[in-house]
């Protein structure tokens, strides 16, 4: 059989053997069908791996070289680290802030009893730690204030404008008529020196205002406090000791007066009730009726503050 190649196809010219007999009539052959192109096989991409959501990071107390090691306890899917301190108190106490969980327990209580007490409150503890962790991340993601002439700074629930001038020495002056804080810096002054000058002004304003509000609410409550000191804690706004010493965070000066008054009333009420029992909150309510609304507003406002000082 004779064939010819057309491209890659072989065509049969005759489908029978050639003989000496009369050949039959040759039927015209149909044109060959065009070749069917084979579609390339595209391999299926493997399914994208399922990435589980990132587990929120719970804040942990800072580790110190000379301090006791942190304890750990598994609460559900969360590994909680906490600092344990022994004291003469009669019950186990919990304190949660941006630095995580701190537990204070009587010396006679065993470690197993402390762990069981934490497990009994694990819903509240994990919820508060997650909340603190989220707030800490939000604060870290906020852009810091640019320390230039015209910068806007939070003060008593509003804004003031920073005005910079050059002078032989550093000083600051606030003009209440224009809500401008004028700061004079030396030509060789650094940004850190400027920030320290502004911070010192805020702290001076805070002490004067806090003393006036403490005296006002102490008189309403019929109590007497021994001393006032300023703190720079992350988000702990105040504290009161059994020695009648009150500490208030100077950063409260960024908030409106009603929020400052709530913290003042809260700490003064501890002079009568050194706990957070219903009797304590009733004491707060007696001199600051809308304490719950102020508590929520303080939490919300603290998340909105710009980053001023590291």
Foldseek 3Di string as FASTA:
>chain_A
DDWDDDDPDTDDPDPDDDDPDDDDDDDDDDPDDDDDDDDDDDDDDPDDDDDDDDDQDFAAADDDPPDDDWDWDDAPPDIFTEAEAEDCDDAKDWDQALNAIYIYGHPVDDPVNVNVVCNVCVVVRVVRRSVSSVLVVLQVPFDAWDPDFQTWAFFQARIAGEHEAEDPDWDWDADPVRRYIYIYHHPPDDPVVVLVRVVVVLLVVLVVVLVVLLVVLCVVLVHDADEEDEDQDDQDAWAADQNRYIYGHSVCRSHHPLLSSLVSLLHSLCPVPVDPDPVSVVSSCSRNVPSVVSVVVSVVVSSVHHHYDD
